[in-house]
Protein backbone atom coordinates (compact mmCIF):
# COMPACT_ATOMS: atom_id res chain seq x y z
CA MET A 1 -17.49 6.89 -13.28
CA TYR A 2 -16.58 3.96 -15.34
CA ASP A 3 -19.12 1.77 -17.44
CA ILE A 4 -18.52 -1.79 -16.84
CA THR A 5 -22.07 -2.54 -19.00
CA THR A 6 -19.68 -3.25 -22.47
CA ARG A 7 -18.42 -6.57 -23.36
CA GLY A 8 -14.87 -6.37 -22.53
CA ALA A 9 -13.99 -3.06 -20.59
CA THR A 10 -12.25 -3.62 -17.41
CA PRO A 11 -11.86 -0.82 -14.33
CA ARG A 12 -8.45 0.90 -15.03
CA GLY A 13 -7.57 3.25 -12.21
CA GLY A 14 -5.96 6.66 -13.18
CA TRP A 15 -2.28 8.19 -12.42
CA ARG A 16 -3.45 7.69 -8.26
CA THR A 17 -4.24 4.61 -7.93
CA ARG A 18 -0.94 3.51 -9.80
CA ALA A 19 1.17 5.50 -7.94
CA VAL A 20 -0.53 3.94 -4.88
CA ILE A 21 0.25 0.41 -6.20
CA ALA A 22 3.71 1.09 -6.92
CA LEU A 23 4.15 1.83 -3.22
CA GLY A 24 2.47 -0.80 -2.13
CA LEU A 25 4.62 -3.42 -4.43
CA LEU A 26 8.04 -0.92 -3.15
CA ALA A 27 7.18 -1.59 0.27
CA LEU A 28 6.29 -4.89 -0.07
CA LEU A 29 9.83 -5.02 -1.25
CA LEU A 30 11.81 -3.63 1.32
CA VAL A 31 10.48 -5.90 3.80
CA ALA A 32 11.75 -9.36 1.29
CA ALA A 33 15.21 -7.92 1.48
CA VAL A 34 14.87 -7.55 5.82
CA PRO A 35 16.45 -10.79 6.13
CA VAL A 36 18.75 -10.80 2.68
CA ALA A 37 19.95 -7.07 4.89
CA LEU A 38 20.43 -9.91 7.55
CA LEU A 39 22.68 -12.84 6.27
CA VAL A 40 24.20 -9.80 4.75
CA GLY A 41 25.12 -8.45 7.81
CA LEU A 42 25.73 -11.58 9.85
CA PHE A 43 28.62 -11.94 7.48
CA MET A 44 29.68 -9.04 7.90
CA MET A 45 29.75 -9.62 11.51
CA LEU A 46 31.90 -13.08 11.16
CA LEU A 47 34.31 -11.00 9.27
CA GLY A 48 35.07 -8.30 11.18
CA HIS A 49 32.73 -5.11 10.95
CA VAL A 50 30.96 -5.54 13.49
CA ILE A 51 29.49 -2.53 13.13
CA ALA A 52 28.71 -1.79 8.94
CA GLY A 53 27.09 -5.27 9.70
CA LEU A 54 24.50 -4.05 12.55
CA ALA A 55 24.61 -0.88 10.63
CA LEU A 56 22.86 -2.39 7.46
CA PHE A 57 20.56 -4.58 9.19
CA GLY A 58 19.48 -1.62 11.34
CA ALA A 59 19.66 0.68 8.07
CA SER A 60 16.98 -1.85 6.10
CA ILE A 61 14.36 -2.22 9.51
CA LEU A 62 14.20 1.06 9.52
CA VAL A 63 13.52 2.01 5.42
CA ALA A 64 11.61 -0.98 5.32
CA PHE A 65 10.00 0.93 8.26
CA VAL A 66 9.35 3.45 6.14
CA GLY A 67 7.97 2.40 3.40
CA VAL A 68 5.77 0.54 4.53
CA ALA A 69 4.41 3.60 6.53
CA ILE A 70 4.51 5.74 3.37
CA ALA A 71 2.66 2.85 1.48
CA ALA A 72 -0.01 2.99 4.14
CA LEU A 73 -1.21 7.07 4.34
CA THR A 74 -1.09 6.97 0.72
CA GLY A 75 -3.72 4.31 -0.03
CA VAL A 76 -5.50 5.56 3.25
CA ARG A 77 -5.68 8.45 1.78
CA HIS A 78 -7.20 7.41 -1.68
CA VAL A 79 -9.61 4.89 -0.14
CA ARG A 80 -10.97 7.90 1.59
CA LYS A 81 -11.36 10.13 -1.17
CA LEU A 82 -13.02 7.11 -3.54
CA VAL A 83 -15.30 6.59 -0.53
CA SER A 84 -16.16 10.17 -0.95
CA GLU A 85 -16.56 11.04 -4.53
CA HIS A 86 -18.51 8.29 -4.51
CA ALA A 87 -20.15 8.56 -1.05
CA GLN A 88 -22.32 11.26 -3.26
CA ARG A 89 -24.51 9.72 -5.17
CA VAL A 90 -25.64 7.35 -1.75
CA ILE A 91 -28.99 8.94 -0.12
CA GLN A 92 -30.64 7.10 3.27
CA LEU A 93 -34.11 5.70 2.55
CA ARG A 94 -36.55 6.51 5.36
CA ARG A 95 -38.91 4.18 6.27
CA GLY A 96 -41.84 4.44 4.52
CA ASP A 97 -39.68 4.40 1.15
CA TYR A 98 -39.85 0.44 1.37
CA GLY A 99 -42.15 -1.32 -0.53
CA TYR A 100 -43.38 -3.76 1.74
CA ASP A 101 -47.51 -3.81 1.10
């Protein structure tokens, strides 16, 4: 697919690869926001807004879970597509094809 033998050339992914990376980074940011939401929710509960604090924390966990699930599913689909594209060039060698003479 890409010729890496030329000097300075690096393989670059298409828009699908960039989308999978972006979804992974978004999922990482959403997971990192969960402790912040916990602290903000605790602060809100201390000020008397118990239901809103619990809702904020619960919603942040739910959104982080959905983000990770979507990133995982698209990543698996992308890897399967890459493997299926490269699997056409792989052949199975028989015992007689090896040169051990």
